[in-house]
Each structure stands twice: as C-alpha cells, then as structure tokens.
C-alpha atoms as a PDB file:
ATOM      1  CA  MET A   1     126.724  62.056  94.031  1.00  0.00           C
ATOM      2  CA  ILE A   2     128.083  63.759  90.867  1.00  0.00           C
ATOM      3  CA  THR A   3     125.625  66.350  89.523  1.00  0.00           C
ATOM      4  CA  TYR A   4     126.019  69.130  87.073  1.00  0.00           C
ATOM      5  CA  GLU A   5     125.490  71.561  89.852  1.00  0.00           C
ATOM      6  CA  ASN A   6     128.278  70.170  91.931  1.00  0.00           C
ATOM      7  CA  THR A   7     130.472  70.008  88.772  1.00  0.00           C
ATOM      8  CA  ILE A   8     129.872  73.673  88.064  1.00  0.00           C
ATOM      9  CA  ILE A   9     130.583  74.708  91.546  1.00  0.00           C
ATOM     10  CA  LEU A  10     133.779  72.679  91.920  1.00  0.00           C
ATOM     11  CA  SER A  11     134.965  74.136  88.570  1.00  0.00           C
ATOM     12  CA  TRP A  12     134.689  77.591  90.110  1.00  0.00           C
ATOM     13  CA  VAL A  13     136.445  76.371  93.251  1.00  0.00           C
ATOM     14  CA  ILE A  14     139.350  75.164  91.175  1.00  0.00           C
ATOM     15  CA  TYR A  15     139.540  78.504  89.346  1.00  0.00           C
ATOM     16  CA  ILE A  16     139.405  80.544  92.554  1.00  0.00           C
ATOM     17  CA  LEU A  17     142.048  78.368  94.198  1.00  0.00           C
ATOM     18  CA  VAL A  18     144.459  78.850  91.291  1.00  0.00           C
ATOM     19  CA  TRP A  19     143.776  82.530  91.349  1.00  0.00           C
ATOM     20  CA  ILE A  20     144.542  82.772  95.036  1.00  0.00           C
ATOM     21  CA  VAL A  21     147.701  80.700  94.834  1.00  0.00           C
ATOM     22  CA  SER A  22     149.047  82.388  91.749  1.00  0.00           C
ATOM     23  CA  ALA A  23     148.390  85.888  93.182  1.00  0.00           C
ATOM     24  CA  PHE A  24     151.499  85.300  95.523  1.00  0.00           C
ATOM     25  CA  ASN A  25     154.017  84.753  92.630  1.00  0.00           C
ATOM     26  CA  VAL A  26     153.728  87.809  90.461  1.00  0.00           C
ATOM     27  CA  LYS A  27     156.091  90.530  89.405  1.00  0.00           C
ATOM     28  CA  ARG A  28     155.871  93.878  91.303  1.00  0.00           C
ATOM     29  CA  ASP A  29     153.727  96.652  89.893  1.00  0.00           C
ATOM     30  CA  MET A  30     155.746  99.545  88.693  1.00  0.00           C
ATOM     31  CA  HIS A  31     153.184 102.167  89.669  1.00  0.00           C
ATOM     32  CA  ARG A  32     151.549 101.045  92.893  1.00  0.00           C
ATOM     33  CA  GLY A  33     147.990 102.233  93.357  1.00  0.00           C
ATOM     34  CA  SER A  34     146.824 104.409  96.232  1.00  0.00           C
ATOM     35  CA  GLY A  35     146.397 102.982  99.722  1.00  0.00           C
ATOM     36  CA  HIS A  36     142.655 102.802  98.994  1.00  0.00           C
ATOM     37  CA  GLN A  37     143.267 100.606  95.958  1.00  0.00           C
ATOM     38  CA  SER A  38     145.673  98.351  97.884  1.00  0.00           C
ATOM     39  CA  ARG A  39     143.076  97.906 100.639  1.00  0.00           C
ATOM     40  CA  PHE A  40     140.430  97.121  98.039  1.00  0.00           C
ATOM     41  CA  TRP A  41     142.488  94.266  96.529  1.00  0.00           C
ATOM     42  CA  LEU A  42     143.397  92.935 100.061  1.00  0.00           C
ATOM     43  CA  VAL A  43     139.629  92.788 100.848  1.00  0.00           C
ATOM     44  CA  LEU A  44     138.924  91.193  97.581  1.00  0.00           C
ATOM     45  CA  LEU A  45     141.679  88.578  98.261  1.00  0.00           C
ATOM     46  CA  TRP A  46     140.152  87.695 101.649  1.00  0.00           C
ATOM     47  CA  LEU A  47     136.659  87.593 100.162  1.00  0.00           C
ATOM     48  CA  SER A  48     137.852  85.107  97.642  1.00  0.00           C
ATOM     49  CA  PHE A  49     139.177  83.014 100.498  1.00  0.00           C
ATOM     50  CA  VAL A  50     135.710  83.093 102.161  1.00  0.00           C
ATOM     51  CA  ILE A  51     133.976  82.158  98.903  1.00  0.00           C
ATOM     52  CA  LEU A  52     136.461  79.337  98.346  1.00  0.00           C
ATOM     53  CA  PHE A  53     135.795  77.985 101.855  1.00  0.00           C
ATOM     54  CA  ILE A  54     131.992  78.324 101.524  1.00  0.00           C
ATOM     55  CA  SER A  55     132.067  76.797  98.015  1.00  0.00           C
ATOM     56  CA  ILE A  56     134.044  73.761  99.095  1.00  0.00           C
ATOM     57  CA  ARG A  57     131.691  73.183 102.062  1.00  0.00           C
ATOM     58  CA  VAL A  58     128.633  73.655  99.916  1.00  0.00           C
ATOM     59  CA  ALA A  59     129.874  71.451  97.086  1.00  0.00           C
ATOM     60  CA  THR A  60     130.916  68.610  99.432  1.00  0.00           C
ATOM     61  CA  GLY A  61     127.645  68.996 101.470  1.00  0.00           C
ATOM     62  CA  LYS A  62     129.650  68.977 104.724  1.00  0.00           C
ATOM     63  CA  ALA A  63     128.409  72.161 106.258  1.00  0.00           C
ATOM     64  CA  LEU A  64     126.157  75.238 106.111  1.00  0.00           C
ATOM     65  CA  LYS A  65     123.168  72.908 105.315  1.00  0.00           C
ATOM     66  CA  ILE A  66     122.895  74.477 101.888  1.00  0.00           C
ATOM     67  CA  ASN A  67     122.096  72.397  98.871  1.00  0.00           C
ATOM     68  CA  PRO A  68     124.354  73.468  95.995  1.00  0.00           C
ATOM     69  CA  GLY A  69     121.222  73.419  93.816  1.00  0.00           C
ATOM     70  CA  VAL A  70     120.016  76.550  95.589  1.00  0.00           C
ATOM     71  CA  ILE A  71     122.084  78.574  93.054  1.00  0.00           C
ATOM     72  CA  PHE A  72     120.288  76.897  90.266  1.00  0.00           C
ATOM     73  CA  SER A  73     116.698  76.659  91.707  1.00  0.00           C
ATOM     74  CA  GLN A  74     115.408  79.969  90.735  1.00  0.00           C
ATOM     75  CA  GLY A  75     115.354  79.400  87.022  1.00  0.00           C
ATOM     76  CA  ILE A  76     113.545  81.532  84.351  1.00  0.00           C
ATOM     77  CA  PHE A  77     112.965  78.377  82.305  1.00  0.00           C
ATOM     78  CA  PRO A  78     112.607  74.725  83.087  1.00  0.00           C
ATOM     79  CA  GLN A  79     115.872  72.870  83.853  1.00  0.00           C
ATOM     80  CA  PHE A  80     116.747  69.553  82.210  1.00  0.00           C
ATOM     81  CA  GLN A  81     119.642  67.266  82.929  1.00  0.00           C
ATOM     82  CA  LEU A  82     121.010  67.467  79.428  1.00  0.00           C
ATOM     83  CA  ILE A  83     121.112  71.278  79.517  1.00  0.00           C
ATOM     84  CA  GLY A  84     122.610  71.113  82.961  1.00  0.00           C
ATOM     85  CA  TRP A  85     125.491  68.882  81.694  1.00  0.00           C
ATOM     86  CA  ILE A  86     125.968  71.057  78.638  1.00  0.00           C
ATOM     87  CA  ALA A  87     126.369  73.979  81.051  1.00  0.00           C
ATOM     88  CA  ALA A  88     128.896  72.039  83.180  1.00  0.00           C
ATOM     89  CA  VAL A  89     130.962  71.243  80.078  1.00  0.00           C
ATOM     90  CA  VAL A  90     130.886  74.930  79.005  1.00  0.00           C
ATOM     91  CA  THR A  91     131.974  75.846  82.573  1.00  0.00           C
ATOM     92  CA  ILE A  92     134.843  73.409  82.466  1.00  0.00           C
ATOM     93  CA  ILE A  93     136.013  74.621  79.117  1.00  0.00           C
ATOM     94  CA  GLY A  94     136.006  78.155  80.490  1.00  0.00           C
ATOM     95  CA  VAL A  95     138.031  77.067  83.569  1.00  0.00           C
ATOM     96  CA  VAL A  96     140.584  75.277  81.263  1.00  0.00           C
ATOM     97  CA  ILE A  97     140.938  78.424  79.044  1.00  0.00           C
ATOM     98  CA  ALA A  98     141.341  80.761  82.080  1.00  0.00           C
ATOM     99  CA  ILE A  99     143.861  78.565  83.785  1.00  0.00           C
ATOM    100  CA  TRP A 100     145.713  77.904  80.528  1.00  0.00           C
ATOM    101  CA  ALA A 101     145.940  81.700  79.988  1.00  0.00           C
ATOM    102  CA  ARG A 102     147.030  82.249  83.640  1.00  0.00           C
ATOM    103  CA  VAL A 103     149.901  79.689  83.243  1.00  0.00           C
ATOM    104  CA  ASN A 104     151.068  81.314  80.081  1.00  0.00           C
ATOM    105  CA  LEU A 105     151.048  84.763  81.646  1.00  0.00           C
ATOM    106  CA  GLY A 106     153.309  83.508  84.417  1.00  0.00           C
ATOM    107  CA  ARG A 107     154.597  86.249  86.726  1.00  0.00           C
ATOM    108  CA  ASN A 108     153.209  88.937  84.318  1.00  0.00           C
ATOM    109  CA  TRP A 109     149.725  88.352  85.688  1.00  0.00           C
ATOM    110  CA  SER A 110     147.881  91.120  87.602  1.00  0.00           C
ATOM    111  CA  SER A 111     144.448  91.202  89.202  1.00  0.00           C
ATOM    112  CA  LYS A 112     143.996  94.663  87.684  1.00  0.00           C
ATOM    113  CA  PRO A 113     145.378  96.404  84.560  1.00  0.00           C
ATOM    114  CA  ALA A 114     148.982  97.377  85.621  1.00  0.00           C
ATOM    115  CA  VAL A 115     152.497  97.776  84.420  1.00  0.00           C
ATOM    116  CA  LYS A 116     154.696  94.988  85.944  1.00  0.00           C
ATOM    117  CA  GLU A 117     158.521  95.139  86.529  1.00  0.00           C
ATOM    118  CA  ASN A 118     160.172  93.724  83.386  1.00  0.00           C
ATOM    119  CA  HIS A 119     156.781  93.459  81.757  1.00  0.00           C
ATOM    120  CA  GLU A 120     156.640  90.967  78.784  1.00  0.00           C
ATOM    121  CA  LEU A 121     154.149  90.744  75.935  1.00  0.00           C
ATOM    122  CA  VAL A 122     152.847  87.205  76.092  1.00  0.00           C
ATOM    123  CA  THR A 123     151.619  85.928  72.674  1.00  0.00           C
ATOM    124  CA  THR A 124     151.842  82.171  73.307  1.00  0.00           C
ATOM    125  CA  GLY A 125     149.202  79.561  74.204  1.00  0.00           C
ATOM    126  CA  PRO A 126     145.616  81.031  74.033  1.00  0.00           C
ATOM    127  CA  TYR A 127     147.208  84.515  73.552  1.00  0.00           C
ATOM    128  CA  ALA A 128     148.045  83.406  70.033  1.00  0.00           C
ATOM    129  CA  TYR A 129     144.361  83.645  69.264  1.00  0.00           C
ATOM    130  CA  VAL A 130     142.801  86.233  71.607  1.00  0.00           C
ATOM    131  CA  ARG A 131     144.326  89.014  73.568  1.00  0.00           C
ATOM    132  CA  HIS A 132     142.329  88.527  76.752  1.00  0.00           C
ATOM    133  CA  PRO A 133     141.801  84.775  77.169  1.00  0.00           C
ATOM    134  CA  VAL A 134     141.468  84.922  81.023  1.00  0.00           C
ATOM    135  CA  TYR A 135     138.372  87.117  80.457  1.00  0.00           C
ATOM    136  CA  THR A 136     137.158  84.651  77.718  1.00  0.00           C
ATOM    137  CA  GLY A 137     137.478  81.892  80.215  1.00  0.00           C
ATOM    138  CA  VAL A 138     135.682  83.601  83.082  1.00  0.00           C
ATOM    139  CA  ILE A 139     132.888  84.809  80.777  1.00  0.00           C
ATOM    140  CA  LEU A 140     132.452  81.232  79.593  1.00  0.00           C
ATOM    141  CA  MET A 141     132.360  80.050  83.169  1.00  0.00           C
ATOM    142  CA  ALA A 142     129.590  82.518  83.846  1.00  0.00           C
ATOM    143  CA  PHE A 143     127.779  81.586  80.787  1.00  0.00           C
ATOM    144  CA  GLY A 144     127.829  77.995  81.921  1.00  0.00           C
ATOM    145  CA  ILE A 145     125.781  78.892  84.970  1.00  0.00           C
ATOM    146  CA  ALA A 146     123.481  81.065  82.809  1.00  0.00           C
ATOM    147  CA  ILE A 147     122.724  78.160  80.440  1.00  0.00           C
ATOM    148  CA  THR A 148     120.989  76.425  83.380  1.00  0.00           C
ATOM    149  CA  GLY A 149     118.506  79.244  83.352  1.00  0.00           C
ATOM    150  CA  SER A 150     119.157  80.337  86.938  1.00  0.00           C
ATOM    151  CA  ILE A 151     118.663  83.996  87.755  1.00  0.00           C
ATOM    152  CA  PHE A 152     121.958  83.911  89.672  1.00  0.00           C
ATOM    153  CA  GLY A 153     123.769  82.553  86.595  1.00  0.00           C
ATOM    154  CA  ILE A 154     122.270  85.038  84.172  1.00  0.00           C
ATOM    155  CA  GLY A 155     123.139  87.899  86.469  1.00  0.00           C
ATOM    156  CA  ALA A 156     126.700  86.581  86.874  1.00  0.00           C
ATOM    157  CA  PHE A 157     127.069  86.261  83.097  1.00  0.00           C
ATOM    158  CA  ILE A 158     125.803  89.887  82.490  1.00  0.00           C
ATOM    159  CA  ILE A 159     127.959  91.375  85.205  1.00  0.00           C
ATOM    160  CA  ALA A 160     131.114  89.401  84.159  1.00  0.00           C
ATOM    161  CA  SER A 161     130.717  90.280  80.500  1.00  0.00           C
ATOM    162  CA  PHE A 162     130.104  93.989  81.248  1.00  0.00           C
ATOM    163  CA  PHE A 163     133.008  94.225  83.798  1.00  0.00           C
ATOM    164  CA  TYR A 164     135.613  92.497  81.594  1.00  0.00           C
ATOM    165  CA  ILE A 165     134.593  94.291  78.351  1.00  0.00           C
ATOM    166  CA  LEU A 166     135.075  97.593  80.110  1.00  0.00           C
ATOM    167  CA  ARG A 167     138.525  96.461  81.310  1.00  0.00           C
ATOM    168  CA  ILE A 168     139.708  95.544  77.809  1.00  0.00           C
ATOM    169  CA  GLY A 169     140.071  99.279  76.788  1.00  0.00           C
ATOM    170  CA  LYS A 170     142.077 100.281  79.802  1.00  0.00           C
ATOM    171  CA  GLU A 171     144.267  97.084  79.602  1.00  0.00           C
ATOM    172  CA  GLU A 172     145.005  97.493  75.896  1.00  0.00           C
ATOM    173  CA  LYS A 173     145.842 101.289  76.429  1.00  0.00           C
ATOM    174  CA  ILE A 174     148.530 100.147  78.977  1.00  0.00           C
ATOM    175  CA  MET A 175     149.863  97.453  76.623  1.00  0.00           C
ATOM    176  CA  GLN A 176     150.059  99.948  73.741  1.00  0.00           C
ATOM    177  CA  GLU A 177     152.126 102.336  75.934  1.00  0.00           C
ATOM    178  CA  ILE A 178     154.559  99.545  77.141  1.00  0.00           C
ATOM    179  CA  PHE A 179     154.918  97.968  73.627  1.00  0.00           C
ATOM    180  CA  PRO A 180     154.426 100.627  71.044  1.00  0.00           C
ATOM    181  CA  ASN A 181     155.960  98.652  68.254  1.00  0.00           C
ATOM    182  CA  GLU A 182     154.956  95.051  69.077  1.00  0.00           C
ATOM    183  CA  TYR A 183     151.432  95.504  70.313  1.00  0.00           C
ATOM    184  CA  PRO A 184     149.799  97.052  67.119  1.00  0.00           C
ATOM    185  CA  GLU A 185     151.136  94.071  65.175  1.00  0.00           C
ATOM    186  CA  TYR A 186     149.911  91.653  67.828  1.00  0.00           C
ATOM    187  CA  ARG A 187     146.374  93.383  67.638  1.00  0.00           C
ATOM    188  CA  LYS A 188     146.336  92.878  63.882  1.00  0.00           C
ATOM    189  CA  ARG A 189     146.661  89.151  64.064  1.00  0.00           C
ATOM    190  CA  THR A 190     144.405  88.456  67.100  1.00  0.00           C
ATOM    191  CA  LYS A 191     140.922  89.126  68.460  1.00  0.00           C
ATOM    192  CA  ARG A 192     139.774  90.539  71.739  1.00  0.00           C
ATOM    193  CA  LEU A 193     137.862  87.684  73.255  1.00  0.00           C
ATOM    194  CA  ILE A 194     136.500  85.208  70.650  1.00  0.00           C
ATOM    195  CA  PRO A 195     138.964  83.629  68.201  1.00  0.00           C
ATOM    196  CA  PHE A 196     138.427  84.717  64.597  1.00  0.00           C
ATOM    197  CA  VAL A 197     135.313  86.752  65.511  1.00  0.00           C
ATOM    198  CA  TRP A 198     135.858  89.676  67.913  1.00  0.00           C
END
C-alpha cells in the first residue's frame, strides 16, 4: 500500500543510494585529512549502508517487524492525510534538487568541504540559483518529515539546518581561496540556499 510515510522513507532511500554510489566516483582530495578523519568518513559510509538496508526493509515491510509509521507516530500535532502528502511532495522536491545538484557537481563532489584535484567551479543547473543546492535539497527533505509533526522529523530538520548552515562558511572560504577571481562574482549573482531570498 502506498502511503505518505512509505513515500517519504523511499525518497530518503533513493537519496542515500545515490550518495553511496556517487561517493566512489569523485576526484581525489588534494589535502587528505588525518587518519582519524578518514576513519570517521569510512564509518559514516558503512553507517549509510546500514541505514539504507534497514530503510529498504522497513519501507517494504519485509523484515524487522517495524511499521514505517513509527517514525511519524510521535507527533506534536494531529496528523492528517493531506498534510502527510504535502510533506511527501516537499520531500520528493528536496530529493530531486539534491540529486540534480549532485549530478551537476559530477566528480567535484565531496562529502566534506575539500579541495579536489583539478577542482572546477560549477555554476550550472541549480548552482545557477544557489551556491549550496545539495544542502537546500537535504534541508527540504528533513522539512518534509517535520511537516508531518513528528518529533523525529522536527529534530532531523533542526539538526540538518544547523549542520549545513555551519558548513556553508567553511565551504565558501575554500571556494574563495581556489577561485579568487570567479567566486566573488558568482556570489554576487546567487544566494546561499534559497533562490532570490538568502
């Protein structure tokens, strides 16, 4: 049965799957982090595999004996089907934006702010409107769950927003150093996360 809960979960599964697959085809970092950082990202990658596996099983109801609605059951306000489907649409839009941005980045993508070998300044696709469209997409995905009123969703939205907004400063500093001439002009004609707003 297709429900808004399953639709939201499967949207996240698709995003995580794209993230995992694309992580294997990126340019080499010019300045590799410490061994501790490398281990952290390796653990994060394996954790993503586990989350992907569990999400697929939960969404299809084939194992773990967990109803996908558990994520949404502890709401702070009453849940309605219409609001749930609006939340699902917002999540899908977020996934589309994040994947569209990831495709446009190509091999320049990195799971953390980093200088890549032969780094390129990408200004096409969603990057023509905002400088961090992957973050925009993921925050929208988290906002989708938050719209349902679930405590889990609201927490995910707050954490994702806080985390990515903090990363913007570090990432923009790196881009300014790599592209001292092009990046200031690019910043003038684009917004950080929300087109025409901020």
